[in-house]
Amino acid sequence: MGEGKDFLDRYAIAQDATLPAPKIDIGAMRRYRLARRREQMQKTDVPLCVLTNPVSMRHATDFRNYQLFQPRIPIAYLFVPVEGPVLLSDCPFEKELVEG
């Protein structure tokens, strides 16, 4: 038990230390994810991908406003075609998507 504590003490960061936020190009990340998904769809001859899982939707489009306490009850559908626009449909957050 003491050995584990010694290990943690050696690698602990001081409480007052702050790490700089990483520089992440969110737009580039979103474009990469969509391109990667479409690339895999083309390889497997899948013309359209319909996502209902909130984790998959977040990964594909960075859609964050999903009621995570109801992941088994789809309230939103994300349509990702191999080409063309991505569509989020049948969603109570439609107003938020249009406005922001």
Protein backbone atom coordinates (compact mmCIF):
# COMPACT_ATOMS: atom_id res chain seq x y z
CA MET A 1 0.00 0.00 0.00
CA GLY A 2 2.83 2.41 0.82
CA GLU A 3 4.53 1.67 -2.51
CA GLY A 4 1.49 2.91 -4.44
CA LYS A 5 1.37 6.12 -2.43
CA ASP A 6 5.09 6.75 -3.05
CA PHE A 7 4.52 6.29 -6.78
CA LEU A 8 1.64 8.77 -6.78
CA ASP A 9 3.62 11.27 -4.69
CA ARG A 10 6.49 11.18 -7.17
CA TYR A 11 4.24 11.97 -10.13
CA ALA A 12 1.74 14.28 -8.46
CA ILE A 13 1.29 17.76 -9.90
CA ALA A 14 1.29 20.60 -7.40
CA GLN A 15 -2.20 21.87 -6.64
CA ASP A 16 -1.36 25.38 -7.75
CA ALA A 17 0.17 24.25 -11.05
CA THR A 18 -1.84 24.93 -14.18
CA LEU A 19 -1.37 23.36 -17.55
CA PRO A 20 -1.97 25.39 -20.70
CA ALA A 21 -5.01 24.42 -22.71
CA PRO A 22 -4.06 22.48 -25.83
CA LYS A 23 -4.48 24.27 -29.13
CA ILE A 24 -7.14 22.30 -30.98
CA ASP A 25 -8.56 23.29 -34.35
CA ILE A 26 -12.16 22.20 -33.78
CA GLY A 27 -13.16 22.87 -37.39
CA ALA A 28 -10.33 20.71 -38.72
CA MET A 29 -11.23 17.96 -36.25
CA ARG A 30 -14.88 18.00 -37.39
CA ARG A 31 -13.92 17.92 -41.08
CA TYR A 32 -11.51 15.04 -40.48
CA ARG A 33 -14.11 12.99 -38.61
CA LEU A 34 -16.75 13.47 -41.30
CA ALA A 35 -14.26 12.69 -44.09
CA ARG A 36 -13.07 9.57 -42.26
CA ARG A 37 -16.65 8.34 -41.74
CA ARG A 38 -17.48 8.92 -45.40
CA GLU A 39 -14.28 7.21 -46.50
CA GLN A 40 -15.25 4.09 -44.56
CA MET A 41 -18.79 4.26 -45.93
CA GLN A 42 -17.43 4.32 -49.50
CA LYS A 43 -15.13 1.37 -48.81
CA THR A 44 -18.08 -0.73 -47.63
CA ASP A 45 -20.63 0.54 -50.21
CA VAL A 46 -22.84 2.16 -47.57
CA PRO A 47 -24.66 5.10 -49.21
CA LEU A 48 -26.23 6.49 -46.02
CA CYS A 49 -25.45 6.26 -42.33
CA VAL A 50 -28.21 6.96 -39.79
CA LEU A 51 -26.99 7.65 -36.27
CA THR A 52 -29.17 7.72 -33.16
CA ASN A 53 -26.60 7.09 -30.45
CA PRO A 54 -25.66 10.38 -28.72
CA VAL A 55 -21.98 9.40 -28.49
CA SER A 56 -21.81 8.61 -32.21
CA MET A 57 -23.66 11.80 -33.06
CA ARG A 58 -21.25 13.84 -30.96
CA HIS A 59 -18.25 12.20 -32.60
CA ALA A 60 -19.61 12.70 -36.11
CA THR A 61 -20.78 16.32 -35.80
CA ASP A 62 -19.88 17.57 -32.32
CA PHE A 63 -23.62 17.82 -31.53
CA ARG A 64 -23.61 18.36 -27.77
CA ASN A 65 -27.16 19.18 -26.76
CA TYR A 66 -28.54 15.67 -26.32
CA GLN A 67 -30.39 14.34 -23.31
CA LEU A 68 -27.84 11.76 -22.20
CA PHE A 69 -30.18 10.31 -19.62
CA GLN A 70 -32.26 8.87 -22.48
CA PRO A 71 -29.69 7.35 -24.84
CA ARG A 72 -31.86 4.30 -25.50
CA ILE A 73 -34.83 6.37 -26.65
CA PRO A 74 -33.83 8.03 -29.92
CA ILE A 75 -35.18 11.56 -30.11
CA ALA A 76 -32.84 12.73 -32.83
CA TYR A 77 -31.58 11.17 -36.02
CA LEU A 78 -28.43 12.14 -37.84
CA PHE A 79 -28.33 11.30 -41.55
CA VAL A 80 -24.82 11.16 -43.02
CA PRO A 81 -24.75 10.50 -46.78
CA VAL A 82 -21.55 9.62 -48.61
CA GLU A 83 -21.90 12.95 -50.44
CA GLY A 84 -23.90 16.05 -49.67
CA PRO A 85 -25.10 17.77 -46.52
CA VAL A 86 -25.48 16.10 -43.15
CA LEU A 87 -29.02 16.34 -41.75
CA LEU A 88 -30.14 16.31 -38.12
CA SER A 89 -33.86 15.60 -37.98
CA ASP A 90 -36.82 15.04 -35.66
CA CYS A 91 -35.14 16.81 -32.82
CA PRO A 92 -36.43 19.02 -29.99
CA PHE A 93 -33.26 21.10 -30.38
CA GLU A 94 -34.05 22.08 -33.96
CA LYS A 95 -34.54 25.73 -32.99
CA GLU A 96 -31.11 25.83 -31.34
CA LEU A 97 -29.45 24.35 -34.43
CA VAL A 98 -31.05 26.93 -36.70
CA GLU A 99 -30.12 29.81 -34.41
CA GLY A 100 -26.66 28.78 -33.45
